[in-house]
Protein backbone atom coordinates (compact mmCIF):
# COMPACT_ATOMS: atom_id res chain seq x y z
CA MET A 1 91.59 56.29 84.37
CA THR A 2 92.93 55.59 80.84
CA LYS A 3 93.38 58.22 78.15
CA LEU A 4 90.49 56.76 76.20
CA GLN A 5 88.23 57.23 79.23
CA GLU A 6 89.37 60.83 79.56
CA ARG A 7 88.04 61.75 76.16
CA ILE A 8 84.85 63.75 75.89
CA LYS A 9 82.17 62.44 73.58
CA GLY A 10 79.41 64.73 72.41
CA LEU A 11 77.87 66.81 69.63
CA LEU A 12 79.73 69.48 67.73
CA GLY A 13 77.01 72.00 68.48
CA ASP A 14 77.72 71.57 72.22
CA LEU A 15 81.51 71.18 72.13
CA LEU A 16 82.39 73.71 69.42
CA PRO A 17 79.35 75.87 68.59
CA LEU A 18 79.36 77.96 65.43
CA LYS A 19 78.66 81.69 65.31
CA TYR A 20 77.63 83.68 62.26
CA GLY A 21 80.11 85.97 60.60
CA LYS A 22 79.12 89.58 60.00
CA SER A 23 78.83 91.39 56.68
CA LEU A 24 81.75 93.70 55.88
CA PRO A 25 81.56 94.90 52.23
CA ALA A 26 84.84 95.74 50.56
CA THR A 27 83.66 99.34 50.18
CA VAL A 28 83.65 99.88 53.95
CA ARG A 29 86.79 97.94 54.88
CA ASP A 30 89.91 99.74 55.99
CA SER A 31 92.38 98.07 53.65
CA ALA A 32 95.28 99.68 55.52
CA GLY A 33 94.33 97.72 58.64
CA SER A 34 96.18 94.61 59.81
CA VAL A 35 93.16 92.51 60.82
CA PRO A 36 92.52 89.68 58.33
CA VAL A 37 89.03 89.45 56.85
CA TYR A 38 87.90 85.87 56.19
CA GLY A 39 85.30 84.49 53.80
CA SER A 40 84.47 80.88 53.03
CA SER A 41 87.53 80.59 50.77
CA GLY A 42 90.00 82.12 53.24
CA VAL A 43 91.43 85.62 53.61
CA VAL A 44 89.60 88.08 51.34
CA GLY A 45 91.01 91.37 52.61
CA SER A 46 91.94 93.35 55.71
CA HIS A 47 90.35 95.78 58.14
CA SER A 48 91.26 97.91 61.16
CA ALA A 49 88.83 96.23 63.58
CA ALA A 50 88.23 92.59 64.56
CA LEU A 51 85.02 90.68 65.14
CA THR A 52 86.70 87.93 67.18
CA ASN A 53 88.80 88.16 70.33
CA GLY A 54 91.46 85.54 69.75
CA PRO A 55 92.40 82.44 67.78
CA VAL A 56 89.35 81.10 65.92
CA ILE A 57 88.28 78.46 63.45
CA ILE A 58 86.51 79.75 60.32
CA VAL A 59 84.11 77.41 58.50
CA GLY A 60 82.67 78.04 55.04
CA ARG A 61 78.89 78.61 55.22
CA LYS A 62 78.12 79.66 51.63
CA GLY A 63 80.11 79.07 48.47
CA ASN A 64 83.14 77.05 49.59
CA VAL A 65 80.99 74.99 51.93
CA GLY A 66 82.69 73.28 54.86
CA ALA A 67 86.14 74.70 54.12
CA VAL A 68 88.08 75.09 57.36
CA HIS A 69 90.53 77.94 58.06
CA TYR A 70 92.46 78.89 61.17
CA SER A 71 93.33 82.39 62.34
CA ALA A 72 95.86 82.65 65.15
CA VAL A 73 95.01 86.34 65.59
CA PRO A 74 91.75 88.26 66.04
CA CYS A 75 89.99 88.53 62.67
CA TRP A 76 86.71 89.42 60.97
CA PRO A 77 84.73 86.49 59.49
CA ILE A 78 82.17 87.83 57.02
CA ASP A 79 78.63 86.55 56.53
CA THR A 80 79.56 83.78 54.07
CA ALA A 81 81.35 82.02 56.93
CA TYR A 82 80.84 80.77 60.45
CA PHE A 83 83.44 81.00 63.19
CA ALA A 84 84.07 78.99 66.35
CA GLU A 85 86.13 79.82 69.44
CA PRO A 86 87.59 76.72 71.11
CA PRO A 87 87.17 76.33 74.88
CA ILE A 88 89.70 78.15 77.06
CA GLY A 89 92.73 75.99 77.73
CA HIS A 90 92.25 73.91 74.57
CA ASP A 91 94.53 74.03 71.52
CA PRO A 92 92.63 75.83 68.71
CA ARG A 93 94.75 74.07 66.08
CA TYR A 94 93.44 70.75 67.36
CA TYR A 95 89.89 71.81 66.55
CA ARG A 96 90.93 73.06 63.13
CA TYR A 97 92.30 69.61 62.28
CA LEU A 98 89.32 67.88 63.88
CA LEU A 99 86.90 69.76 61.60
CA ASP A 100 89.17 69.06 58.60
CA SER A 101 88.95 65.35 59.39
CA LEU A 102 85.14 65.43 59.30
CA GLY A 103 84.76 66.56 55.67
CA LEU A 104 82.02 69.07 56.45
CA ALA A 105 81.32 69.64 52.74
CA ARG A 106 79.39 66.34 52.79
CA LEU A 107 76.75 68.04 54.96
CA ASP A 108 75.72 70.34 52.09
CA LYS A 109 72.13 69.41 51.19
CA SER A 110 71.32 72.46 49.08
CA THR A 111 70.00 72.17 45.52
CA ALA A 112 70.94 75.67 44.36
CA ILE A 113 73.55 77.75 46.20
CA PRO A 114 75.87 75.51 48.25
CA GLY A 115 75.33 75.99 51.98
CA LEU A 116 76.16 74.45 55.34
CA SER A 117 73.29 74.27 57.83
CA ARG A 118 74.27 74.91 61.43
CA ASP A 119 71.68 72.33 62.52
CA ASP A 120 73.42 69.64 60.47
CA TYR A 121 76.79 70.68 61.89
CA ASN A 122 75.44 70.67 65.45
CA ALA A 123 74.23 67.07 65.12
CA VAL A 124 77.66 65.59 64.25
CA GLU A 125 79.03 63.32 66.99
CA VAL A 126 82.73 63.70 67.87
CA VAL A 127 85.20 62.61 70.50
CA ILE A 128 87.49 65.29 71.95
CA HIS A 129 90.91 64.49 73.45
CA PRO A 130 91.78 66.13 76.76
CA PRO A 131 93.75 69.41 76.54
CA GLU A 132 97.03 67.81 77.68
CA GLN A 133 96.98 65.49 74.66
CA GLN A 134 95.88 68.02 72.05
CA ALA A 135 99.26 69.70 71.55
CA GLU A 136 100.93 66.30 71.13
CA ILE A 137 98.38 65.28 68.48
CA VAL A 138 98.77 68.60 66.67
CA ALA A 139 102.57 68.24 66.66
CA GLU A 140 102.37 64.77 65.11
CA ILE A 141 99.85 65.90 62.48
CA GLU A 142 101.97 68.90 61.51
CA LYS A 143 105.10 66.74 61.30
CA GLN A 144 103.33 64.46 58.83
CA PHE A 145 101.81 67.40 56.96
CA SER A 146 105.21 69.08 56.69
CA ARG A 147 106.54 66.04 54.83
CA LEU A 148 103.47 65.96 52.58
CA ASP A 149 103.70 69.70 51.93
CA GLU A 150 107.29 69.30 50.80
CA ALA A 151 106.34 66.46 48.48
CA VAL A 152 103.40 68.44 47.07
CA ALA A 153 105.63 71.49 46.51
CA ASN A 154 108.06 69.30 44.56
CA LEU A 155 105.20 67.90 42.47
CA GLN A 156 103.88 71.41 41.78
CA ARG A 157 107.35 72.44 40.63
CA VAL A 158 107.37 69.50 38.23
CA LYS A 159 103.99 70.64 36.84
CA ALA A 160 105.29 74.18 36.40
CA ASN A 161 108.42 72.88 34.66
CA LEU A 162 106.29 70.72 32.36
CA LYS A 163 104.23 73.78 31.42
CA ARG A 164 107.39 75.73 30.56
CA TYR A 165 108.78 72.74 28.67
CA LYS A 166 105.58 72.44 26.65
CA ALA A 167 105.74 76.14 25.76
CA SER A 168 109.40 75.78 24.70
CA VAL A 169 108.60 72.75 22.52
CA LEU A 170 105.77 74.63 20.77
CA LYS A 171 108.05 77.63 20.25
CA ALA A 172 110.81 75.47 18.80
CA ALA A 173 108.32 73.74 16.52
CA VAL A 174 106.94 76.91 14.94
CA GLU A 175 110.38 78.52 14.69
CA GLY A 176 111.77 75.57 12.72
CA ARG A 177 114.10 74.32 15.46
CA LEU A 178 112.36 71.11 16.54
CA VAL A 179 113.35 69.00 13.53
CA GLU A 180 115.81 69.41 10.69
CA THR A 181 114.40 71.71 8.01
CA GLU A 182 113.45 70.39 4.59
CA ALA A 183 115.88 72.90 3.08
CA SER A 184 118.76 71.41 5.06
CA ILE A 185 117.82 67.81 4.19
CA ALA A 186 117.38 68.64 0.49
CA GLN A 187 120.75 70.38 0.39
CA ARG A 188 122.45 67.43 2.06
CA GLU A 189 120.78 64.96 -0.30
CA GLY A 190 121.40 67.11 -3.35
CA ARG A 191 117.76 67.38 -4.42
CA SER A 192 115.08 70.00 -4.95
CA TYR A 193 111.93 70.39 -2.84
CA GLU A 194 108.68 72.32 -2.74
CA THR A 195 109.27 75.37 -0.56
CA GLY A 196 106.62 76.95 1.60
CA GLU A 197 106.36 79.76 -0.96
CA LYS A 198 105.73 77.29 -3.80
CA LEU A 199 103.25 75.40 -1.64
CA LEU A 200 101.37 78.64 -0.97
CA GLN A 201 101.31 79.46 -4.68
CA ARG A 202 99.92 76.01 -5.43
CA ILE A 203 97.27 76.38 -2.71
CA LEU A 204 96.16 79.76 -4.08
CA GLU A 205 96.04 78.47 -7.66
CA GLU A 206 93.89 75.52 -6.59
CA ARG A 207 91.71 77.91 -4.61
CA ARG A 208 91.15 80.12 -7.70
CA ALA A 209 90.39 77.08 -9.86
CA LYS A 210 87.88 75.78 -7.34
CA TRP A 211 86.13 79.14 -7.30
CA ALA A 212 86.34 79.65 -11.08
CA LEU A 213 82.65 79.00 -11.61
CA LYS A 214 81.66 81.46 -8.89
CA LYS A 215 80.95 85.00 -10.01
CA LYS A 216 82.63 86.90 -7.18
CA TYR A 217 85.94 85.33 -6.22
CA VAL A 218 87.86 87.51 -3.79
CA GLU A 219 91.60 86.94 -3.50
CA PRO A 220 92.53 86.47 0.18
CA GLU A 221 94.75 89.13 1.68
CA SER A 222 98.45 88.38 1.98
CA ALA A 223 100.07 88.08 5.39
CA GLU A 224 100.92 91.30 7.21
CA CYS A 225 102.79 91.86 10.48
CA PRO A 226 103.94 88.26 11.07
CA MET A 227 104.86 87.45 14.68
CA LEU A 228 108.06 85.63 13.64
CA GLU A 229 110.77 88.16 12.85
CA SER A 230 112.58 85.80 10.50
CA LEU A 231 111.60 82.52 8.88
CA PRO A 232 113.72 79.40 8.40
CA GLU A 233 114.93 78.75 4.88
CA GLY A 234 112.14 77.34 2.73
CA TRP A 235 109.28 78.68 4.85
CA ALA A 236 106.72 81.32 3.87
CA ASN A 237 104.24 83.63 5.57
CA ALA A 238 100.54 83.05 4.89
CA THR A 239 97.18 83.85 6.49
CA VAL A 240 94.62 81.53 8.01
CA GLU A 241 92.24 82.61 5.23
CA GLN A 242 94.75 81.58 2.53
CA LEU A 243 95.27 78.19 4.15
CA SER A 244 91.65 77.28 4.85
CA GLN A 245 88.69 76.13 2.81
CA LEU A 246 86.21 76.81 5.62
CA VAL A 247 86.03 79.24 8.55
CA GLU A 248 82.66 79.27 10.32
CA TYR A 249 80.89 79.72 13.63
CA GLY A 250 79.13 76.89 15.44
CA SER A 251 75.50 76.49 16.39
CA SER A 252 73.73 78.92 18.71
CA SER A 253 70.71 76.63 19.07
CA LYS A 254 69.66 75.60 22.56
CA THR A 255 71.10 72.27 23.65
CA SER A 256 69.86 69.72 26.19
CA ASP A 257 71.07 66.77 28.28
CA ASP A 258 69.35 64.23 26.00
CA ALA A 259 72.25 61.91 25.17
CA THR A 260 70.33 60.29 22.29
CA GLY A 261 71.16 63.38 20.21
CA ILE A 262 74.37 64.70 18.64
CA PRO A 263 76.99 65.83 21.20
CA VAL A 264 78.03 69.48 20.89
CA LEU A 265 81.59 70.56 21.69
CA ARG A 266 81.78 73.81 23.67
CA MET A 267 84.54 76.11 24.85
CA GLY A 268 84.98 74.11 28.06
CA ASN A 269 85.87 71.03 26.02
CA ILE A 270 89.12 72.65 24.83
CA PHE A 271 91.75 72.08 27.50
CA GLU A 272 95.52 72.48 27.18
CA GLY A 273 95.44 72.16 23.40
CA GLU A 274 93.28 69.02 23.40
CA LEU A 275 89.60 68.17 23.24
CA ARG A 276 87.93 66.55 26.21
CA PHE A 277 84.74 64.66 25.54
CA ASP A 278 83.02 65.02 28.91
CA ASP A 279 80.40 67.44 30.22
CA LEU A 280 78.61 67.37 26.87
CA LYS A 281 75.33 68.89 25.71
CA TYR A 282 73.28 67.62 22.78
CA LEU A 283 71.23 68.67 19.77
CA PRO A 284 68.55 66.43 18.20
CA LYS A 285 69.79 64.22 15.38
CA GLU A 286 67.25 65.81 13.04
CA HIS A 287 68.47 69.34 13.84
CA ASP A 288 68.20 71.59 10.76
CA GLU A 289 71.90 72.65 10.88
CA PHE A 290 73.00 69.08 10.23
CA PRO A 291 74.94 67.75 8.42
CA LYS A 292 76.49 71.18 7.69
CA LEU A 293 77.73 71.68 11.24
CA LEU A 294 78.97 68.14 11.85
CA MET A 295 82.68 67.83 12.55
CA ASN A 296 85.15 66.32 10.09
CA ASP A 297 88.42 64.63 10.98
CA GLY A 298 91.11 67.32 11.24
CA ASP A 299 88.78 70.26 11.86
CA LEU A 300 90.42 72.87 14.06
CA LEU A 301 88.28 74.49 16.75
CA PHE A 302 89.15 78.03 17.89
CA ASN A 303 87.71 79.37 21.16
CA ARG A 304 86.55 82.87 20.16
CA THR A 305 84.92 83.89 23.47
CA ASN A 306 86.17 83.18 26.97
CA SER A 307 88.18 84.71 29.78
CA PRO A 308 91.30 86.66 28.68
CA GLU A 309 93.47 83.71 29.74
CA LEU A 310 91.53 81.11 27.73
CA VAL A 311 90.21 82.93 24.66
CA GLY A 312 91.98 81.87 21.47
CA LYS A 313 92.87 78.36 22.61
CA VAL A 314 92.55 75.74 19.88
CA ALA A 315 92.40 71.98 19.47
CA VAL A 316 92.10 69.62 16.51
CA PHE A 317 89.20 67.18 16.25
CA GLN A 318 89.95 63.56 15.45
CA ALA A 319 87.18 61.47 13.94
CA LYS A 320 85.08 59.45 16.37
CA SER A 321 82.60 56.64 15.91
CA THR A 322 79.93 59.14 17.02
CA SER A 323 79.12 62.34 15.10
CA TYR A 324 79.91 65.65 16.84
CA SER A 325 78.95 69.26 16.30
CA PHE A 326 80.20 72.51 17.88
CA ALA A 327 78.74 75.54 19.63
CA SER A 328 78.68 79.19 18.59
CA TYR A 329 81.51 80.28 20.92
CA LEU A 330 83.81 78.18 18.75
CA ILE A 331 85.03 78.79 15.20
CA ARG A 332 85.78 75.84 12.95
CA VAL A 333 88.74 76.06 10.57
CA ARG A 334 89.10 73.39 7.91
CA THR A 335 92.51 73.64 6.27
CA VAL A 336 93.25 73.00 2.59
CA THR A 337 95.28 70.07 1.31
CA GLY A 338 98.95 70.75 2.02
CA VAL A 339 98.38 72.34 5.42
CA LEU A 340 98.35 70.15 8.53
CA PRO A 341 95.82 71.46 11.09
CA ASN A 342 98.01 70.23 13.96
CA PHE A 343 100.82 72.53 12.85
CA LEU A 344 98.42 75.47 12.62
CA ALA A 345 97.07 74.60 16.08
CA ALA A 346 100.61 74.46 17.47
CA TYR A 347 101.29 77.97 16.19
CA ILE A 348 98.09 79.45 17.64
CA ASN A 349 98.70 77.71 20.98
CA SER A 350 102.34 78.86 21.09
CA ASN A 351 103.57 82.07 22.69
CA PHE A 352 103.39 83.71 19.26
CA GLY A 353 99.71 82.85 18.98
CA ARG A 354 99.04 84.04 22.52
CA GLN A 355 100.75 87.37 21.76
CA TRP A 356 98.58 87.76 18.66
CA VAL A 357 95.41 87.04 20.66
CA LYS A 358 96.33 89.75 23.16
CA SER A 359 96.91 92.22 20.31
CA VAL A 360 93.49 91.72 18.67
CA VAL A 361 91.18 90.74 21.53
CA THR A 362 88.20 92.92 22.48
CA GLN A 363 86.43 92.98 25.85
CA GLN A 364 82.64 92.77 26.17
CA VAL A 365 80.81 92.38 29.50
CA GLY A 366 83.66 90.55 31.20
CA GLN A 367 84.36 88.28 28.22
CA ALA A 368 87.27 88.47 25.79
CA ASN A 369 86.47 88.02 22.08
CA VAL A 370 88.36 87.34 18.85
CA ASN A 371 86.08 87.19 15.81
CA GLY A 372 86.37 85.16 12.62
CA THR A 373 87.56 88.10 10.51
CA LYS A 374 90.54 88.64 12.77
CA LEU A 375 91.27 84.92 12.84
CA GLN A 376 91.34 84.74 9.03
CA ALA A 377 93.82 87.64 8.93
CA LEU A 378 96.23 85.93 11.34
CA ALA A 379 99.69 85.61 9.76
CA VAL A 380 101.14 82.13 10.25
CA PRO A 381 104.37 80.46 9.09
CA LEU A 382 104.06 77.83 6.36
CA PRO A 383 106.82 75.18 6.16
CA PRO A 384 107.07 72.68 3.30
CA LEU A 385 104.53 69.87 3.69
CA ALA A 386 107.16 67.18 4.38
CA GLU A 387 108.61 69.35 7.14
CA GLN A 388 105.14 69.97 8.61
CA THR A 389 104.69 66.21 8.81
CA ARG A 390 107.95 65.71 10.70
CA ILE A 391 107.23 68.63 13.04
CA VAL A 392 103.75 67.31 13.90
CA ALA A 393 105.12 63.81 14.54
CA GLU A 394 107.87 65.13 16.82
CA LEU A 395 105.41 67.40 18.60
CA ASP A 396 103.14 64.43 19.22
CA ARG A 397 106.05 62.48 20.68
CA HIS A 398 106.95 65.28 23.09
CA MET A 399 103.33 65.93 24.06
CA THR A 400 102.75 62.24 24.75
CA ILE A 401 105.67 62.24 27.17
CA ILE A 402 104.39 65.44 28.83
CA ARG A 403 100.89 63.97 29.22
CA GLU A 404 102.28 60.79 30.77
CA VAL A 405 104.39 62.70 33.29
CA GLU A 406 101.51 65.08 34.09
CA SER A 407 99.23 62.12 34.69
CA GLU A 408 101.74 60.57 37.09
CA VAL A 409 102.12 63.89 38.93
CA ASP A 410 98.34 64.23 39.26
CA VAL A 411 98.08 60.70 40.65
CA ASN A 412 100.70 61.51 43.26
CA LEU A 413 99.00 64.79 44.16
CA GLN A 414 95.77 62.87 44.74
CA ARG A 415 97.68 60.33 46.79
CA ALA A 416 99.14 63.14 48.92
CA GLN A 417 95.65 64.49 49.57
CA ALA A 418 94.45 61.01 50.51
CA LEU A 419 97.38 60.65 52.90
CA ARG A 420 96.49 63.97 54.55
CA GLN A 421 92.95 62.74 55.12
CA ALA A 422 94.22 59.38 56.35
CA THR A 423 96.49 61.15 58.83
CA LEU A 424 93.55 63.15 60.18
CA SER A 425 91.26 60.12 60.32
CA LYS A 426 93.89 58.18 62.27
CA ALA A 427 94.41 61.05 64.71
CA PHE A 428 90.72 61.56 65.42
CA GLY A 429 89.19 58.20 64.59
CA THR A 430 86.95 59.89 62.01
CA GLY A 431 86.13 59.08 58.44
CA GLN A 432 84.01 60.34 55.60
């Protein structure tokens, strides 16, 4: 009899039946216990008693549907998960990899909360290798996975290094170390230049003149408590209010999925200092807040409400062929002539900006908030305009390189995942 003939063909429900996990709220767990507690996403705690008797496979039932985990020791699967105990004499790791190869998440047919039906699982046809071959198959899979894990770890280290490099580039930019300062160039060339202090004076004079016909002009407050301990020669301290002609909240009107309207940028569209134009919502073109709340080229968007890790992130809008607006969880800052929004964005996204956000943020119902008044009072460094231009150009060069490397890393991470699935499909003759 050949090995192929020795294989057992049947339904998952017969060969590896699922059992329901049992509720174990965190409030009643014995956290000092050594028994792992599993949910659909993996280990979620510990307890002093086990629900299972030995090695088991845990399968996500709700939430992280179809996720497969393996416990080599007795454990407690909670009610968001199923568990399965392989037949005696069979290698439990084999069944873990078999279920991984099937892509059980594809069986989710729910329209609301993701869920895996046991009936759908039971109906899946599989072929099981005999016990004497299972360990050999597992060994080969784990040898291949070990190589992939090493490659993925290296790629993740590259991503972490890129993140640190990006932070160091932003820090150097706003500290005046990324390019030669205008003061240094002017001294070398034997000429004068407009310092940041003179630029600020000119901005404030133009601001007063613009408001001359208005009855109640209020002089913006000067910068206090700047995050930079010392400024490069020729730089000045200013506030966002001094450097902006417009600081306003976006629309709180209800949006829809009707793509014939005006797309509305929301907090989720700001990612890693850039705007992403996917997952959009829309307002009607005849909406009464237009054209006032339509974006202009160079408008800076500040995320005023989000998680503590994401609140305060900013990005600069670049003009598109389509008009865009923005939602109420964002604040728009339109800088005055002489201030490049990309330099201001670099400062707010730098470690200095993140420290400032932490110092002024308030917490409300699980959300972190920084309002427009606090944003206007933010003290920021102001280099000469020519130096701002060089800094922004050099920043763009560095960020372009970072994006290209990140993109290549992401492609290789996806390739590694595809190779894992290909390894499983080859071992079990399955496919999704």
